[in-house]
Amino acid sequence: MITDNVTVSNRGYIILPARIRKEMNIKSGTKILLSREDNKIILQPVSSFTEKLSGLTTGSFGENADHVKEYIDKERKDRSV
């Protein structure tokens, strides 16, 4: 376990050290889940649903934009018959 000391501001803010942000790919706008376990505070980055889904269908409908367009055009044609 790696530990770092941080200070809580008078408004309750803490700054995550740059090293940790880089290692955990935490960027501006990243959602953080905060939970409490006894006397510990646990912070966990939460991936967005969109990020989890991105790339899920890569290659399923074609290898490039032209192939995908051909696939969509074919499906539209088949449905109109």
PDB file of N, CA and C in Angstrom:
ATOM      1  N   MET A   1       0.842  -1.173   0.000  1.00  0.00           N
ATOM      2  CA  MET A   1       0.000   0.000   0.000  1.00  0.00           C
ATOM      3  C   MET A   1       0.887   1.236   0.000  1.00  0.00           C
ATOM      4  N   ILE A   2       0.540   2.174  -0.866  1.00  0.00           N
ATOM      5  CA  ILE A   2       1.270   3.433  -0.944  1.00  0.00           C
ATOM      6  C   ILE A   2       0.440   4.488  -0.224  1.00  0.00           C
ATOM      7  N   THR A   3       1.087   5.276   0.599  1.00  0.00           N
ATOM      8  CA  THR A   3       0.361   6.321   1.327  1.00  0.00           C
ATOM      9  C   THR A   3       0.925   7.696   0.986  1.00  0.00           C
ATOM     10  N   ASP A   4       0.046   8.685   1.030  1.00  0.00           N
ATOM     11  CA  ASP A   4       0.419  10.083   0.834  1.00  0.00           C
ATOM     12  C   ASP A   4      -0.325  10.905   1.868  1.00  0.00           C
ATOM     13  N   ASN A   5       0.298  11.959   2.342  1.00  0.00           N
ATOM     14  CA  ASN A   5      -0.376  12.901   3.238  1.00  0.00           C
ATOM     15  C   ASN A   5      -0.971  14.024   2.414  1.00  0.00           C
ATOM     16  N   VAL A   6      -2.231  14.326   2.673  1.00  0.00           N
ATOM     17  CA  VAL A   6      -2.887  15.463   2.045  1.00  0.00           C
ATOM     18  C   VAL A   6      -3.555  16.273   3.143  1.00  0.00           C
ATOM     19  N   THR A   7      -3.848  17.525   2.873  1.00  0.00           N
ATOM     20  CA  THR A   7      -4.464  18.407   3.857  1.00  0.00           C
ATOM     21  C   THR A   7      -5.870  18.759   3.402  1.00  0.00           C
ATOM     22  N   VAL A   8      -6.786  18.762   4.326  1.00  0.00           N
ATOM     23  CA  VAL A   8      -8.158  19.158   4.030  1.00  0.00           C
ATOM     24  C   VAL A   8      -8.246  20.671   4.171  1.00  0.00           C
ATOM     25  N   SER A   9      -8.789  21.338   3.142  1.00  0.00           N
ATOM     26  CA  SER A   9      -8.927  22.798   3.190  1.00  0.00           C
ATOM     27  C   SER A   9     -10.083  23.178   4.107  1.00  0.00           C
ATOM     28  N   ASN A  10     -10.212  24.478   4.366  1.00  0.00           N
ATOM     29  CA  ASN A  10     -11.299  24.934   5.237  1.00  0.00           C
ATOM     30  C   ASN A  10     -12.670  24.723   4.590  1.00  0.00           C
ATOM     31  N   ARG A  11     -12.709  24.455   3.293  1.00  0.00           N
ATOM     32  CA  ARG A  11     -13.970  24.161   2.602  1.00  0.00           C
ATOM     33  C   ARG A  11     -14.178  22.658   2.420  1.00  0.00           C
ATOM     34  N   GLY A  12     -13.284  21.848   2.955  1.00  0.00           N
ATOM     35  CA  GLY A  12     -13.419  20.403   2.883  1.00  0.00           C
ATOM     36  C   GLY A  12     -12.788  19.759   1.663  1.00  0.00           C
ATOM     37  N   TYR A  13     -12.048  20.529   0.869  1.00  0.00           N
ATOM     38  CA  TYR A  13     -11.407  19.990  -0.323  1.00  0.00           C
ATOM     39  C   TYR A  13     -10.130  19.252   0.032  1.00  0.00           C
ATOM     40  N   ILE A  14      -9.830  18.215  -0.747  1.00  0.00           N
ATOM     41  CA  ILE A  14      -8.508  17.591  -0.703  1.00  0.00           C
ATOM     42  C   ILE A  14      -7.984  17.548  -2.129  1.00  0.00           C
ATOM     43  N   ILE A  15      -6.695  17.596  -2.268  1.00  0.00           N
ATOM     44  CA  ILE A  15      -6.060  17.519  -3.582  1.00  0.00           C
ATOM     45  C   ILE A  15      -5.407  16.156  -3.699  1.00  0.00           C
ATOM     46  N   LEU A  16      -5.795  15.407  -4.746  1.00  0.00           N
ATOM     47  CA  LEU A  16      -5.156  14.115  -4.986  1.00  0.00           C
ATOM     48  C   LEU A  16      -3.801  14.367  -5.632  1.00  0.00           C
ATOM     49  N   PRO A  17      -2.751  13.759  -5.118  1.00  0.00           N
ATOM     50  CA  PRO A  17      -1.425  13.965  -5.703  1.00  0.00           C
ATOM     51  C   PRO A  17      -1.399  13.571  -7.185  1.00  0.00           C
ATOM     52  N   ALA A  18      -0.647  14.311  -7.982  1.00  0.00           N
ATOM     53  CA  ALA A  18      -0.566  14.088  -9.430  1.00  0.00           C
ATOM     54  C   ALA A  18      -0.163  12.649  -9.753  1.00  0.00           C
ATOM     55  N   ARG A  19       0.750  12.098  -8.990  1.00  0.00           N
ATOM     56  CA  ARG A  19       1.210  10.728  -9.248  1.00  0.00           C
ATOM     57  C   ARG A  19       0.044   9.739  -9.184  1.00  0.00           C
ATOM     58  N   ILE A  20      -0.803   9.894  -8.201  1.00  0.00           N
ATOM     59  CA  ILE A  20      -1.949   8.994  -8.040  1.00  0.00           C
ATOM     60  C   ILE A  20      -2.961   9.222  -9.161  1.00  0.00           C
ATOM     61  N   ARG A  21      -3.203  10.498  -9.503  1.00  0.00           N
ATOM     62  CA  ARG A  21      -4.141  10.787 -10.593  1.00  0.00           C
ATOM     63  C   ARG A  21      -3.670  10.162 -11.896  1.00  0.00           C
ATOM     64  N   LYS A  22      -2.381  10.248 -12.173  1.00  0.00           N
ATOM     65  CA  LYS A  22      -1.839   9.663 -13.407  1.00  0.00           C
ATOM     66  C   LYS A  22      -1.936   8.144 -13.376  1.00  0.00           C
ATOM     67  N   GLU A  23      -1.535   7.535 -12.270  1.00  0.00           N
ATOM     68  CA  GLU A  23      -1.557   6.072 -12.154  1.00  0.00           C
ATOM     69  C   GLU A  23      -2.965   5.511 -12.298  1.00  0.00           C
ATOM     70  N   MET A  24      -3.964   6.242 -11.786  1.00  0.00           N
ATOM     71  CA  MET A  24      -5.333   5.746 -11.784  1.00  0.00           C
ATOM     72  C   MET A  24      -6.191   6.379 -12.882  1.00  0.00           C
ATOM     73  N   ASN A  25      -5.540   7.133 -13.774  1.00  0.00           N
ATOM     74  CA  ASN A  25      -6.214   7.774 -14.905  1.00  0.00           C
ATOM     75  C   ASN A  25      -7.407   8.619 -14.444  1.00  0.00           C
ATOM     76  N   ILE A  26      -7.194   9.403 -13.397  1.00  0.00           N
ATOM     77  CA  ILE A  26      -8.225  10.300 -12.875  1.00  0.00           C
ATOM     78  C   ILE A  26      -8.008  11.665 -13.500  1.00  0.00           C
ATOM     79  N   LYS A  27      -9.024  12.125 -14.235  1.00  0.00           N
ATOM     80  CA  LYS A  27      -8.932  13.408 -14.921  1.00  0.00           C
ATOM     81  C   LYS A  27     -10.053  14.303 -14.444  1.00  0.00           C
ATOM     82  N   SER A  28     -10.012  15.550 -14.856  1.00  0.00           N
ATOM     83  CA  SER A  28     -11.073  16.490 -14.521  1.00  0.00           C
ATOM     84  C   SER A  28     -12.409  15.909 -14.972  1.00  0.00           C
ATOM     85  N   GLY A  29     -13.378  15.893 -14.085  1.00  0.00           N
ATOM     86  CA  GLY A  29     -14.694  15.359 -14.400  1.00  0.00           C
ATOM     87  C   GLY A  29     -14.891  13.903 -14.028  1.00  0.00           C
ATOM     88  N   THR A  30     -13.819  13.208 -13.632  1.00  0.00           N
ATOM     89  CA  THR A  30     -13.948  11.814 -13.219  1.00  0.00           C
ATOM     90  C   THR A  30     -14.818  11.737 -11.976  1.00  0.00           C
ATOM     91  N   LYS A  31     -15.784  10.840 -11.999  1.00  0.00           N
ATOM     92  CA  LYS A  31     -16.642  10.629 -10.832  1.00  0.00           C
ATOM     93  C   LYS A  31     -15.887   9.752  -9.837  1.00  0.00           C
ATOM     94  N   ILE A  32     -16.029  10.079  -8.545  1.00  0.00           N
ATOM     95  CA  ILE A  32     -15.357   9.351  -7.474  1.00  0.00           C
ATOM     96  C   ILE A  32     -16.418   8.834  -6.506  1.00  0.00           C
ATOM     97  N   LEU A  33     -16.356   7.562  -6.191  1.00  0.00           N
ATOM     98  CA  LEU A  33     -17.235   6.976  -5.185  1.00  0.00           C
ATOM     99  C   LEU A  33     -16.534   7.076  -3.845  1.00  0.00           C
ATOM    100  N   LEU A  34     -17.176   7.690  -2.874  1.00  0.00           N
ATOM    101  CA  LEU A  34     -16.608   7.853  -1.545  1.00  0.00           C
ATOM    102  C   LEU A  34     -17.382   6.943  -0.600  1.00  0.00           C
ATOM    103  N   SER A  35     -16.661   6.094   0.127  1.00  0.00           N
ATOM    104  CA  SER A  35     -17.325   5.231   1.104  1.00  0.00           C
ATOM    105  C   SER A  35     -16.533   5.267   2.405  1.00  0.00           C
ATOM    106  N   ARG A  36     -17.217   4.922   3.466  1.00  0.00           N
ATOM    107  CA  ARG A  36     -16.595   4.939   4.791  1.00  0.00           C
ATOM    108  C   ARG A  36     -16.662   3.533   5.356  1.00  0.00           C
ATOM    109  N   GLU A  37     -15.529   3.077   5.860  1.00  0.00           N
ATOM    110  CA  GLU A  37     -15.432   1.764   6.483  1.00  0.00           C
ATOM    111  C   GLU A  37     -14.750   1.958   7.828  1.00  0.00           C
ATOM    112  N   ASP A  38     -15.527   1.863   8.902  1.00  0.00           N
ATOM    113  CA  ASP A  38     -15.033   2.156  10.249  1.00  0.00           C
ATOM    114  C   ASP A  38     -14.413   3.561  10.261  1.00  0.00           C
ATOM    115  N   ASN A  39     -13.112   3.642  10.507  1.00  0.00           N
ATOM    116  CA  ASN A  39     -12.477   4.966  10.564  1.00  0.00           C
ATOM    117  C   ASN A  39     -11.679   5.272   9.289  1.00  0.00           C
ATOM    118  N   LYS A  40     -12.030   4.606   8.176  1.00  0.00           N
ATOM    119  CA  LYS A  40     -11.330   4.825   6.910  1.00  0.00           C
ATOM    120  C   LYS A  40     -12.274   5.458   5.898  1.00  0.00           C
ATOM    121  N   ILE A  41     -11.740   6.329   5.085  1.00  0.00           N
ATOM    122  CA  ILE A  41     -12.460   6.895   3.951  1.00  0.00           C
ATOM    123  C   ILE A  41     -11.829   6.306   2.701  1.00  0.00           C
ATOM    124  N   ILE A  42     -12.657   5.734   1.851  1.00  0.00           N
ATOM    125  CA  ILE A  42     -12.175   5.069   0.645  1.00  0.00           C
ATOM    126  C   ILE A  42     -12.686   5.831  -0.573  1.00  0.00           C
ATOM    127  N   LEU A  43     -11.785   6.207  -1.462  1.00  0.00           N
ATOM    128  CA  LEU A  43     -12.131   6.895  -2.700  1.00  0.00           C
ATOM    129  C   LEU A  43     -11.861   5.955  -3.867  1.00  0.00           C
ATOM    130  N   GLN A  44     -12.862   5.769  -4.721  1.00  0.00           N
ATOM    131  CA  GLN A  44     -12.703   4.899  -5.880  1.00  0.00           C
ATOM    132  C   GLN A  44     -13.204   5.612  -7.121  1.00  0.00           C
ATOM    133  N   PRO A  45     -12.366   5.689  -8.174  1.00  0.00           N
ATOM    134  CA  PRO A  45     -12.852   6.276  -9.423  1.00  0.00           C
ATOM    135  C   PRO A  45     -13.938   5.372 -10.008  1.00  0.00           C
ATOM    136  N   VAL A  46     -14.960   5.999 -10.579  1.00  0.00           N
ATOM    137  CA  VAL A  46     -16.063   5.259 -11.179  1.00  0.00           C
ATOM    138  C   VAL A  46     -16.058   5.555 -12.671  1.00  0.00           C
ATOM    139  N   SER A  47     -15.913   4.510 -13.481  1.00  0.00           N
ATOM    140  CA  SER A  47     -15.951   4.690 -14.927  1.00  0.00           C
ATOM    141  C   SER A  47     -17.363   5.028 -15.360  1.00  0.00           C
ATOM    142  N   SER A  48     -17.463   5.874 -16.360  1.00  0.00           N
ATOM    143  CA  SER A  48     -18.790   6.199 -16.864  1.00  0.00           C
ATOM    144  C   SER A  48     -19.322   5.010 -17.652  1.00  0.00           C
ATOM    145  N   PHE A  49     -20.628   4.906 -17.707  1.00  0.00           N
ATOM    146  CA  PHE A  49     -21.273   3.820 -18.442  1.00  0.00           C
ATOM    147  C   PHE A  49     -20.869   3.875 -19.912  1.00  0.00           C
ATOM    148  N   THR A  50     -20.760   5.084 -20.447  1.00  0.00           N
ATOM    149  CA  THR A  50     -20.377   5.261 -21.845  1.00  0.00           C
ATOM    150  C   THR A  50     -18.969   4.734 -22.089  1.00  0.00           C
ATOM    151  N   GLU A  51     -18.041   5.022 -21.183  1.00  0.00           N
ATOM    152  CA  GLU A  51     -16.672   4.534 -21.342  1.00  0.00           C
ATOM    153  C   GLU A  51     -16.630   3.016 -21.309  1.00  0.00           C
ATOM    154  N   LYS A  52     -17.430   2.419 -20.433  1.00  0.00           N
ATOM    155  CA  LYS A  52     -17.455   0.961 -20.353  1.00  0.00           C
ATOM    156  C   LYS A  52     -17.972   0.338 -21.641  1.00  0.00           C
ATOM    157  N   LEU A  53     -18.925   0.996 -22.285  1.00  0.00           N
ATOM    158  CA  LEU A  53     -19.513   0.454 -23.507  1.00  0.00           C
ATOM    159  C   LEU A  53     -18.700   0.757 -24.761  1.00  0.00           C
ATOM    160  N   SER A  54     -17.879   1.809 -24.703  1.00  0.00           N
ATOM    161  CA  SER A  54     -17.147   2.190 -25.906  1.00  0.00           C
ATOM    162  C   SER A  54     -16.242   1.056 -26.358  1.00  0.00           C
ATOM    163  N   GLY A  55     -16.298   0.787 -27.635  1.00  0.00           N
ATOM    164  CA  GLY A  55     -15.480  -0.271 -28.204  1.00  0.00           C
ATOM    165  C   GLY A  55     -16.084  -1.658 -28.097  1.00  0.00           C
ATOM    166  N   LEU A  56     -17.229  -1.768 -27.443  1.00  0.00           N
ATOM    167  CA  LEU A  56     -17.849  -3.069 -27.233  1.00  0.00           C
ATOM    168  C   LEU A  56     -18.196  -3.760 -28.544  1.00  0.00           C
ATOM    169  N   THR A  57     -18.620  -3.000 -29.537  1.00  0.00           N
ATOM    170  CA  THR A  57     -19.026  -3.592 -30.810  1.00  0.00           C
ATOM    171  C   THR A  57     -17.997  -3.386 -31.915  1.00  0.00           C
ATOM    172  N   THR A  58     -16.802  -2.986 -31.552  1.00  0.00           N
ATOM    173  CA  THR A  58     -15.768  -2.737 -32.549  1.00  0.00           C
ATOM    174  C   THR A  58     -15.578  -3.968 -33.434  1.00  0.00           C
ATOM    175  N   GLY A  59     -15.665  -3.749 -34.728  1.00  0.00           N
ATOM    176  CA  GLY A  59     -15.461  -4.834 -35.687  1.00  0.00           C
ATOM    177  C   GLY A  59     -16.702  -5.672 -35.944  1.00  0.00           C
ATOM    178  N   SER A  60     -17.777  -5.469 -35.214  1.00  0.00           N
ATOM    179  CA  SER A  60     -18.977  -6.289 -35.384  1.00  0.00           C
ATOM    180  C   SER A  60     -19.716  -5.975 -36.678  1.00  0.00           C
ATOM    181  N   PHE A  61     -19.643  -4.738 -37.126  1.00  0.00           N
ATOM    182  CA  PHE A  61     -20.400  -4.323 -38.302  1.00  0.00           C
ATOM    183  C   PHE A  61     -19.492  -3.922 -39.460  1.00  0.00           C
ATOM    184  N   GLY A  62     -18.213  -4.094 -39.305  1.00  0.00           N
ATOM    185  CA  GLY A  62     -17.257  -3.744 -40.347  1.00  0.00           C
ATOM    186  C   GLY A  62     -15.968  -3.239 -39.737  1.00  0.00           C
ATOM    187  N   GLU A  63     -14.962  -3.192 -40.573  1.00  0.00           N
ATOM    188  CA  GLU A  63     -13.639  -2.803 -40.090  1.00  0.00           C
ATOM    189  C   GLU A  63     -13.365  -1.311 -40.221  1.00  0.00           C
ATOM    190  N   ASN A  64     -14.195  -0.620 -41.011  1.00  0.00           N
ATOM    191  CA  ASN A  64     -14.009   0.824 -41.157  1.00  0.00           C
ATOM    192  C   ASN A  64     -15.359   1.470 -41.430  1.00  0.00           C
ATOM    193  N   ALA A  65     -15.361   2.781 -41.560  1.00  0.00           N
ATOM    194  CA  ALA A  65     -16.614   3.521 -41.717  1.00  0.00           C
ATOM    195  C   ALA A  65     -17.368   3.115 -42.977  1.00  0.00           C
ATOM    196  N   ASP A  66     -16.644   2.844 -44.053  1.00  0.00           N
ATOM    197  CA  ASP A  66     -17.307   2.438 -45.299  1.00  0.00           C
ATOM    198  C   ASP A  66     -18.016   1.094 -45.135  1.00  0.00           C
ATOM    199  N   HIS A  67     -17.368   0.152 -44.460  1.00  0.00           N
ATOM    200  CA  HIS A  67     -17.995  -1.157 -44.227  1.00  0.00           C
ATOM    201  C   HIS A  67     -19.244  -1.027 -43.364  1.00  0.00           C
ATOM    202  N   VAL A  68     -19.177  -0.183 -42.345  1.00  0.00           N
ATOM    203  CA  VAL A  68     -20.332   0.036 -41.472  1.00  0.00           C
ATOM    204  C   VAL A  68     -21.475   0.651 -42.274  1.00  0.00           C
ATOM    205  N   LYS A  69     -21.160   1.628 -43.128  1.00  0.00           N
ATOM    206  CA  LYS A  69     -22.186   2.256 -43.966  1.00  0.00           C
ATOM    207  C   LYS A  69     -22.821   1.220 -44.891  1.00  0.00           C
ATOM    208  N   GLU A  70     -22.013   0.369 -45.497  1.00  0.00           N
ATOM    209  CA  GLU A  70     -22.537  -0.686 -46.363  1.00  0.00           C
ATOM    210  C   GLU A  70     -23.460  -1.622 -45.581  1.00  0.00           C
ATOM    211  N   TYR A  71     -23.066  -1.971 -44.388  1.00  0.00           N
ATOM    212  CA  TYR A  71     -23.881  -2.844 -43.538  1.00  0.00           C
ATOM    213  C   TYR A  71     -25.233  -2.182 -43.233  1.00  0.00           C
ATOM    214  N   ILE A  72     -25.204  -0.921 -42.852  1.00  0.00           N
ATOM    215  CA  ILE A  72     -26.441  -0.202 -42.519  1.00  0.00           C
ATOM    216  C   ILE A  72     -27.334  -0.087 -43.749  1.00  0.00           C
ATOM    217  N   ASP A  73     -26.744   0.255 -44.896  1.00  0.00           N
ATOM    218  CA  ASP A  73     -27.531   0.362 -46.133  1.00  0.00           C
ATOM    219  C   ASP A  73     -28.185  -0.970 -46.491  1.00  0.00           C
ATOM    220  N   LYS A  74     -27.450  -2.059 -46.339  1.00  0.00           N
ATOM    221  CA  LYS A  74     -27.990  -3.394 -46.629  1.00  0.00           C
ATOM    222  C   LYS A  74     -29.138  -3.729 -45.683  1.00  0.00           C
ATOM    223  N   GLU A  75     -28.976  -3.424 -44.395  1.00  0.00           N
ATOM    224  CA  GLU A  75     -30.035  -3.691 -43.424  1.00  0.00           C
ATOM    225  C   GLU A  75     -31.282  -2.869 -43.738  1.00  0.00           C
ATOM    226  N   ARG A  76     -31.109  -1.632 -44.116  1.00  0.00           N
ATOM    227  CA  ARG A  76     -32.251  -0.782 -44.479  1.00  0.00           C
ATOM    228  C   ARG A  76     -32.972  -1.334 -45.697  1.00  0.00           C
ATOM    229  N   LYS A  77     -32.188  -1.776 -46.680  1.00  0.00           N
ATOM    230  CA  LYS A  77     -32.771  -2.328 -47.901  1.00  0.00           C
ATOM    231  C   LYS A  77     -33.558  -3.595 -47.576  1.00  0.00           C
ATOM    232  N   ASP A  78     -32.973  -4.482 -46.753  1.00  0.00           N
ATOM    233  CA  ASP A  78     -33.636  -5.742 -46.394  1.00  0.00           C
ATOM    234  C   ASP A  78     -34.940  -5.484 -45.640  1.00  0.00           C
ATOM    235  N   ARG A  79     -34.995  -4.456 -44.828  1.00  0.00           N
ATOM    236  CA  ARG A  79     -36.200  -4.155 -44.051  1.00  0.00           C
ATOM    237  C   ARG A  79     -37.295  -3.512 -44.884  1.00  0.00           C
ATOM    238  N   SER A  80     -36.916  -2.882 -45.972  1.00  0.00           N
ATOM    239  CA  SER A  80     -37.923  -2.207 -46.800  1.00  0.00           C
ATOM    240  C   SER A  80     -38.584  -3.155 -47.802  1.00  0.00           C
ATOM    241  N   VAL A  81     -38.070  -4.335 -47.917  1.00  0.00           N
ATOM    242  CA  VAL A  81     -38.628  -5.313 -48.871  1.00  0.00           C
ATOM    243  C   VAL A  81     -39.825  -6.014 -48.301  1.00  0.00           C
TER     244      VAL A  81
END
